[in-house]
Protein backbone atom coordinates (compact mmCIF):
# COMPACT_ATOMS: atom_id res chain seq x y z
CA MET A 1 -50.77 3.08 62.68
CA GLY A 2 -49.49 6.57 63.27
CA GLY A 3 -52.72 8.54 63.69
CA ILE A 4 -54.80 9.24 66.77
CA GLY A 5 -58.15 7.56 66.51
CA ILE A 6 -61.48 8.63 67.94
CA TRP A 7 -61.22 6.12 70.78
CA GLN A 8 -57.90 7.51 71.96
CA LEU A 9 -59.41 11.01 72.03
CA VAL A 10 -62.42 9.75 74.02
CA ILE A 11 -60.13 8.06 76.56
CA VAL A 12 -58.05 11.23 76.95
CA ALA A 13 -61.23 13.33 77.39
CA VAL A 14 -62.55 10.95 80.09
CA ILE A 15 -59.22 11.09 81.94
CA VAL A 16 -59.17 14.90 81.81
CA VAL A 17 -62.75 15.09 83.13
CA LEU A 18 -61.90 12.67 85.95
CA LEU A 19 -58.77 14.62 86.91
CA PHE A 20 -60.20 18.14 86.84
CA GLY A 21 -63.94 17.69 87.18
CA THR A 22 -66.62 19.27 85.06
CA LYS A 23 -66.94 22.42 87.19
CA LYS A 24 -63.25 23.31 86.83
CA LEU A 25 -63.32 22.56 83.11
CA ARG A 26 -66.40 24.75 82.68
CA ASN A 27 -64.67 27.61 84.55
CA LEU A 28 -61.52 27.08 82.51
CA GLY A 29 -63.56 27.21 79.29
CA GLY A 30 -65.28 30.41 80.41
CA ASP A 31 -61.96 32.02 81.33
CA LEU A 32 -60.47 31.00 78.01
CA GLY A 33 -63.49 32.36 76.14
CA SER A 34 -63.36 35.74 77.91
CA ALA A 35 -59.61 35.96 77.29
CA VAL A 36 -60.15 35.39 73.56
CA LYS A 37 -63.00 37.93 73.54
CA GLY A 38 -60.79 40.50 75.31
CA PHE A 39 -57.99 39.87 72.85
CA LYS A 40 -60.30 40.37 69.87
CA SER A 41 -61.71 43.59 71.29
CA ALA A 42 -58.19 44.90 71.98
CA ILE A 43 -57.20 44.17 68.39
CA GLY A 44 -60.37 45.89 67.16
CA GLU A 45 -59.69 48.96 69.35
CA GLU A 46 -56.12 49.14 68.06
CA LYS A 47 -57.32 49.09 64.45
CA GLU A 48 -59.94 51.73 65.27
CA GLN A 49 -57.33 53.98 66.90
CA LYS A 50 -55.05 53.55 63.90
CA ASN A 51 -57.88 54.51 61.52
CA ASN A 52 -58.75 57.52 63.67
CA ALA A 53 -55.11 58.60 63.70
CA GLU A 54 -54.93 58.32 59.91
CA LYS A 55 -58.14 60.34 59.53
CA THR A 56 -56.80 62.98 61.92
CA SER A 57 -53.49 63.23 60.10
CA ASP A 58 -55.32 63.52 56.76
CA THR A 59 -57.54 66.25 58.19
CA LEU A 60 -54.52 68.09 59.60
CA ALA A 61 -52.73 67.81 56.27
CA ASP A 62 -55.79 69.16 54.45
CA ASN A 63 -56.11 72.00 56.96
CA SER A 64 -52.44 72.93 56.67
CA THR A 65 -52.68 72.90 52.87
CA THR A 66 -55.76 75.12 53.02
CA ALA A 67 -54.08 77.43 55.53
CA SER A 68 -50.95 77.76 53.39
CA GLU A 69 -53.11 78.50 50.33
CA ASN A 70 -54.96 81.17 52.27
CA MET A 71 -51.67 82.66 53.47
CA SER A 72 -50.31 82.82 49.92
CA LYS A 73 -53.54 84.45 48.69
CA THR A 74 -53.35 87.00 51.50
CA THR A 75 -49.72 87.73 50.72
CA GLU A 76 -50.50 88.11 47.02
CA SER A 77 -53.36 90.51 47.71
CA LYS A 78 -51.16 92.59 50.06
CA THR A 79 -48.45 92.68 47.40
CA LYS A 80 -50.98 93.86 44.80
CA ASP A 81 -52.27 96.53 47.21
CA THR A 82 -48.75 97.87 47.84
CA ASP A 83 -47.94 97.81 44.14
CA GLN A 84 -51.06 99.82 43.35
CA ALA A 85 -50.33 102.41 46.03
């Protein structure tokens, strides 16, 4: 008592097939499969975009650090040139 047995599942499956027909169930299964596939690809694209954004921000941060280092070196060399003159 209490659980659903294999025979109850078979009876439910037969009733569903009789109500909807195999062609509709096959189309429904295909639609469900393509919906799941689309969902997975959307999740994958979102993760890829997030990774690309992180890489871009890291690259920009590295470039800005390099640019600021170059600016400070240029400023130091100009200061040395004016001090020597």
